[in-house]
Amino acid sequence: MDELLNAVTCVLEALVVLHADPDPLYHRDIRWANVIQDAHVPTKWFLIDWDEASSSPTLAAPDLDPASHCPKVFEDGHAGEVDVWAVGMLLGDMLNLYVGHPIGADLGLLSVRMKGYTLSAADVLQEIRRIKSAVTND
């Protein structure tokens, strides 16, 4: 379970940097198939497959699958909210592993909030760290 939270944390750390750049970059295709673990440092994870990445101003990405991608990615003018939404989907995919675990409910609520387009990658990273810390300190 910890390695999955490490994966999400690493993805969010990358997004914080990419989205905060003066010329921000949006991955737009975040899903588990595009998150890989470092072969030498198992706590490090990376985003791959940058074929759909875009900077501002963004254009709709009609070739992506509506079943697994943020609805806003199919509209012009989207931004980091599409990547945050996708990380929320990653969290949602993990929730069955956290049933009965002290952080399961918190991760579930965060996953739902991430689909509301109001949280930045930095906001979510801060919340993930708070959740992890609360369990560590208990």
C-alpha atoms as a PDB file:
ATOM      1  CA  MET A   1       0.000   0.000   0.000  1.00  0.00           C
ATOM      2  CA  ASP A   2       2.788   2.412   0.839  1.00  0.00           C
ATOM      3  CA  GLU A   3       4.285   2.052  -2.613  1.00  0.00           C
ATOM      4  CA  LEU A   4       1.032   3.153  -4.234  1.00  0.00           C
ATOM      5  CA  LEU A   5       0.920   6.268  -2.060  1.00  0.00           C
ATOM      6  CA  ASN A   6       4.578   6.845  -2.949  1.00  0.00           C
ATOM      7  CA  ALA A   7       3.644   6.612  -6.623  1.00  0.00           C
ATOM      8  CA  VAL A   8       0.847   9.177  -6.238  1.00  0.00           C
ATOM      9  CA  THR A   9       3.141  11.432  -4.205  1.00  0.00           C
ATOM     10  CA  CYS A  10       5.859  11.312  -6.876  1.00  0.00           C
ATOM     11  CA  VAL A  11       3.336  12.102  -9.617  1.00  0.00           C
ATOM     12  CA  LEU A  12       2.018  15.054  -7.619  1.00  0.00           C
ATOM     13  CA  GLU A  13       5.544  16.343  -6.931  1.00  0.00           C
ATOM     14  CA  ALA A  14       6.207  16.343 -10.670  1.00  0.00           C
ATOM     15  CA  LEU A  15       2.906  18.091 -11.393  1.00  0.00           C
ATOM     16  CA  VAL A  16       3.589  20.800  -8.821  1.00  0.00           C
ATOM     17  CA  VAL A  17       6.791  21.698 -10.679  1.00  0.00           C
ATOM     18  CA  LEU A  18       5.298  21.361 -14.169  1.00  0.00           C
ATOM     19  CA  HIS A  19       2.159  23.363 -13.396  1.00  0.00           C
ATOM     20  CA  ALA A  20       4.017  26.151 -11.538  1.00  0.00           C
ATOM     21  CA  ASP A  21       6.453  26.838 -14.372  1.00  0.00           C
ATOM     22  CA  PRO A  22       5.982  30.189 -16.166  1.00  0.00           C
ATOM     23  CA  ASP A  23       5.175  28.091 -19.246  1.00  0.00           C
ATOM     24  CA  PRO A  24       3.239  25.260 -17.530  1.00  0.00           C
ATOM     25  CA  LEU A  25       3.097  21.780 -18.988  1.00  0.00           C
ATOM     26  CA  TYR A  26       0.102  19.476 -18.622  1.00  0.00           C
ATOM     27  CA  HIS A  27       0.529  15.708 -19.050  1.00  0.00           C
ATOM     28  CA  ARG A  28      -3.165  15.080 -19.858  1.00  0.00           C
ATOM     29  CA  ASP A  29      -2.843  11.267 -19.957  1.00  0.00           C
ATOM     30  CA  ILE A  30      -2.181  10.281 -16.349  1.00  0.00           C
ATOM     31  CA  ARG A  31      -3.258   6.731 -15.620  1.00  0.00           C
ATOM     32  CA  TRP A  32      -1.541   3.741 -14.024  1.00  0.00           C
ATOM     33  CA  ALA A  33      -0.215   2.541 -17.392  1.00  0.00           C
ATOM     34  CA  ASN A  34       1.802   5.777 -17.583  1.00  0.00           C
ATOM     35  CA  VAL A  35       3.292   5.637 -14.073  1.00  0.00           C
ATOM     36  CA  ILE A  36       6.421   3.505 -13.680  1.00  0.00           C
ATOM     37  CA  GLN A  37       8.673   2.639 -10.776  1.00  0.00           C
ATOM     38  CA  ASP A  38      12.406   3.387 -10.819  1.00  0.00           C
ATOM     39  CA  ALA A  39      14.290   0.091 -11.197  1.00  0.00           C
ATOM     40  CA  HIS A  40      17.033   1.168  -8.776  1.00  0.00           C
ATOM     41  CA  VAL A  41      15.135   3.300  -6.243  1.00  0.00           C
ATOM     42  CA  PRO A  42      11.764   1.662  -5.534  1.00  0.00           C
ATOM     43  CA  THR A  43      10.384   4.737  -3.746  1.00  0.00           C
ATOM     44  CA  LYS A  44      10.721   6.814  -6.935  1.00  0.00           C
ATOM     45  CA  TRP A  45       8.043   6.792  -9.607  1.00  0.00           C
ATOM     46  CA  PHE A  46       7.875   8.575 -12.968  1.00  0.00           C
ATOM     47  CA  LEU A  47       5.279   9.704 -15.469  1.00  0.00           C
ATOM     48  CA  ILE A  48       5.850   8.339 -18.965  1.00  0.00           C
ATOM     49  CA  ASP A  49       4.103   8.717 -22.331  1.00  0.00           C
ATOM     50  CA  TRP A  50       4.146  12.458 -22.861  1.00  0.00           C
ATOM     51  CA  ASP A  51       2.600  12.241 -26.348  1.00  0.00           C
ATOM     52  CA  GLU A  52      -0.559  14.080 -25.256  1.00  0.00           C
ATOM     53  CA  ALA A  53       1.245  16.706 -23.129  1.00  0.00           C
ATOM     54  CA  SER A  54       0.502  20.338 -23.868  1.00  0.00           C
ATOM     55  CA  SER A  55       1.319  23.820 -22.693  1.00  0.00           C
ATOM     56  CA  SER A  56      -1.033  26.789 -22.648  1.00  0.00           C
ATOM     57  CA  PRO A  57      -3.165  27.554 -24.488  1.00  0.00           C
ATOM     58  CA  THR A  58      -4.381  23.974 -24.652  1.00  0.00           C
ATOM     59  CA  LEU A  59      -6.547  22.507 -27.352  1.00  0.00           C
ATOM     60  CA  ALA A  60      -9.039  19.701 -26.863  1.00  0.00           C
ATOM     61  CA  ALA A  61      -7.571  16.186 -26.952  1.00  0.00           C
ATOM     62  CA  PRO A  62     -10.257  14.236 -28.841  1.00  0.00           C
ATOM     63  CA  ASP A  63      -8.111  11.085 -29.203  1.00  0.00           C
ATOM     64  CA  LEU A  64      -8.171  10.320 -25.471  1.00  0.00           C
ATOM     65  CA  ASP A  65     -10.682   7.882 -23.964  1.00  0.00           C
ATOM     66  CA  PRO A  66     -13.640   9.650 -22.295  1.00  0.00           C
ATOM     67  CA  ALA A  67     -14.042   6.697 -19.916  1.00  0.00           C
ATOM     68  CA  SER A  68     -10.653   7.317 -18.300  1.00  0.00           C
ATOM     69  CA  HIS A  69      -9.937  11.012 -18.838  1.00  0.00           C
ATOM     70  CA  CYS A  70     -11.184  14.264 -17.388  1.00  0.00           C
ATOM     71  CA  PRO A  71     -14.171  15.670 -19.292  1.00  0.00           C
ATOM     72  CA  LYS A  72     -12.413  19.051 -19.541  1.00  0.00           C
ATOM     73  CA  VAL A  73      -9.537  17.559 -21.569  1.00  0.00           C
ATOM     74  CA  PHE A  74     -11.992  17.381 -24.490  1.00  0.00           C
ATOM     75  CA  GLU A  75     -12.444  21.177 -24.392  1.00  0.00           C
ATOM     76  CA  ASP A  76     -10.048  23.925 -25.429  1.00  0.00           C
ATOM     77  CA  GLY A  77      -8.506  26.002 -22.661  1.00  0.00           C
ATOM     78  CA  HIS A  78      -8.125  23.405 -19.921  1.00  0.00           C
ATOM     79  CA  ALA A  79      -5.167  23.488 -17.554  1.00  0.00           C
ATOM     80  CA  GLY A  80      -3.796  21.607 -14.548  1.00  0.00           C
ATOM     81  CA  GLU A  81      -7.240  20.550 -13.385  1.00  0.00           C
ATOM     82  CA  VAL A  82      -7.180  17.717 -15.948  1.00  0.00           C
ATOM     83  CA  ASP A  83      -4.028  16.259 -14.369  1.00  0.00           C
ATOM     84  CA  VAL A  84      -5.366  16.671 -10.822  1.00  0.00           C
ATOM     85  CA  TRP A  85      -8.613  14.965 -11.868  1.00  0.00           C
ATOM     86  CA  ALA A  86      -6.576  12.071 -13.302  1.00  0.00           C
ATOM     87  CA  VAL A  87      -4.575  11.652 -10.086  1.00  0.00           C
ATOM     88  CA  GLY A  88      -7.933  11.543  -8.308  1.00  0.00           C
ATOM     89  CA  MET A  89      -8.775   8.596 -10.544  1.00  0.00           C
ATOM     90  CA  LEU A  90      -5.489   6.919  -9.524  1.00  0.00           C
ATOM     91  CA  LEU A  91      -6.499   7.352  -5.889  1.00  0.00           C
ATOM     92  CA  GLY A  92      -9.965   6.015  -6.631  1.00  0.00           C
ATOM     93  CA  ASP A  93      -8.442   2.931  -8.234  1.00  0.00           C
ATOM     94  CA  MET A  94      -6.469   2.297  -5.012  1.00  0.00           C
ATOM     95  CA  LEU A  95      -9.324   2.673  -2.530  1.00  0.00           C
ATOM     96  CA  ASN A  96     -10.261  -1.003  -2.380  1.00  0.00           C
ATOM     97  CA  LEU A  97      -6.766  -1.666  -0.983  1.00  0.00           C
ATOM     98  CA  TYR A  98      -7.432   0.746   1.883  1.00  0.00           C
ATOM     99  CA  VAL A  99     -10.809  -0.581   3.064  1.00  0.00           C
ATOM    100  CA  GLY A 100     -10.631  -0.655   6.849  1.00  0.00           C
ATOM    101  CA  HIS A 101      -7.282   1.152   6.854  1.00  0.00           C
ATOM    102  CA  PRO A 102      -7.138   4.393   8.872  1.00  0.00           C
ATOM    103  CA  ILE A 103      -6.522   6.507   5.758  1.00  0.00           C
ATOM    104  CA  GLY A 104      -9.089   4.851   3.497  1.00  0.00           C
ATOM    105  CA  ALA A 105     -11.902   7.305   4.207  1.00  0.00           C
ATOM    106  CA  ASP A 106      -9.613  10.331   3.893  1.00  0.00           C
ATOM    107  CA  LEU A 107      -8.286   9.125   0.534  1.00  0.00           C
ATOM    108  CA  GLY A 108     -11.813   8.472  -0.681  1.00  0.00           C
ATOM    109  CA  LEU A 109     -12.969  11.980   0.200  1.00  0.00           C
ATOM    110  CA  LEU A 110      -9.865  13.501  -1.356  1.00  0.00           C
ATOM    111  CA  SER A 111     -10.411  11.504  -4.548  1.00  0.00           C
ATOM    112  CA  VAL A 112     -13.937  12.914  -4.843  1.00  0.00           C
ATOM    113  CA  ARG A 113     -12.774  16.485  -4.129  1.00  0.00           C
ATOM    114  CA  MET A 114     -10.120  16.192  -6.856  1.00  0.00           C
ATOM    115  CA  LYS A 115     -12.828  15.729  -9.466  1.00  0.00           C
ATOM    116  CA  GLY A 116     -14.366  19.085  -8.543  1.00  0.00           C
ATOM    117  CA  TYR A 117     -11.726  21.130 -10.414  1.00  0.00           C
ATOM    118  CA  THR A 118     -10.893  23.310  -7.399  1.00  0.00           C
ATOM    119  CA  LEU A 119      -7.705  21.710  -6.056  1.00  0.00           C
ATOM    120  CA  SER A 120      -4.234  22.279  -7.472  1.00  0.00           C
ATOM    121  CA  ALA A 121      -1.528  19.615  -7.519  1.00  0.00           C
ATOM    122  CA  ALA A 122       0.142  21.495  -4.644  1.00  0.00           C
ATOM    123  CA  ASP A 123      -3.098  21.391  -2.621  1.00  0.00           C
ATOM    124  CA  VAL A 124      -3.461  17.653  -3.138  1.00  0.00           C
ATOM    125  CA  LEU A 125       0.196  16.954  -2.370  1.00  0.00           C
ATOM    126  CA  GLN A 126      -0.136  18.852   0.903  1.00  0.00           C
ATOM    127  CA  GLU A 127      -3.275  16.868   1.779  1.00  0.00           C
ATOM    128  CA  ILE A 128      -1.650  13.502   0.932  1.00  0.00           C
ATOM    129  CA  ARG A 129       1.313  14.380   3.140  1.00  0.00           C
ATOM    130  CA  ARG A 130      -1.062  15.380   5.957  1.00  0.00           C
ATOM    131  CA  ILE A 131      -2.948  12.087   5.663  1.00  0.00           C
ATOM    132  CA  LYS A 132       0.251  10.032   5.624  1.00  0.00           C
ATOM    133  CA  SER A 133       1.629  11.984   8.574  1.00  0.00           C
ATOM    134  CA  ALA A 134      -1.532  11.501  10.625  1.00  0.00           C
ATOM    135  CA  VAL A 135      -1.255   7.729  10.272  1.00  0.00           C
ATOM    136  CA  THR A 136       2.476   7.766  11.034  1.00  0.00           C
ATOM    137  CA  ASN A 137       1.912   9.809  14.197  1.00  0.00           C
ATOM    138  CA  ASP A 138      -0.956   7.635  15.493  1.00  0.00           C
END
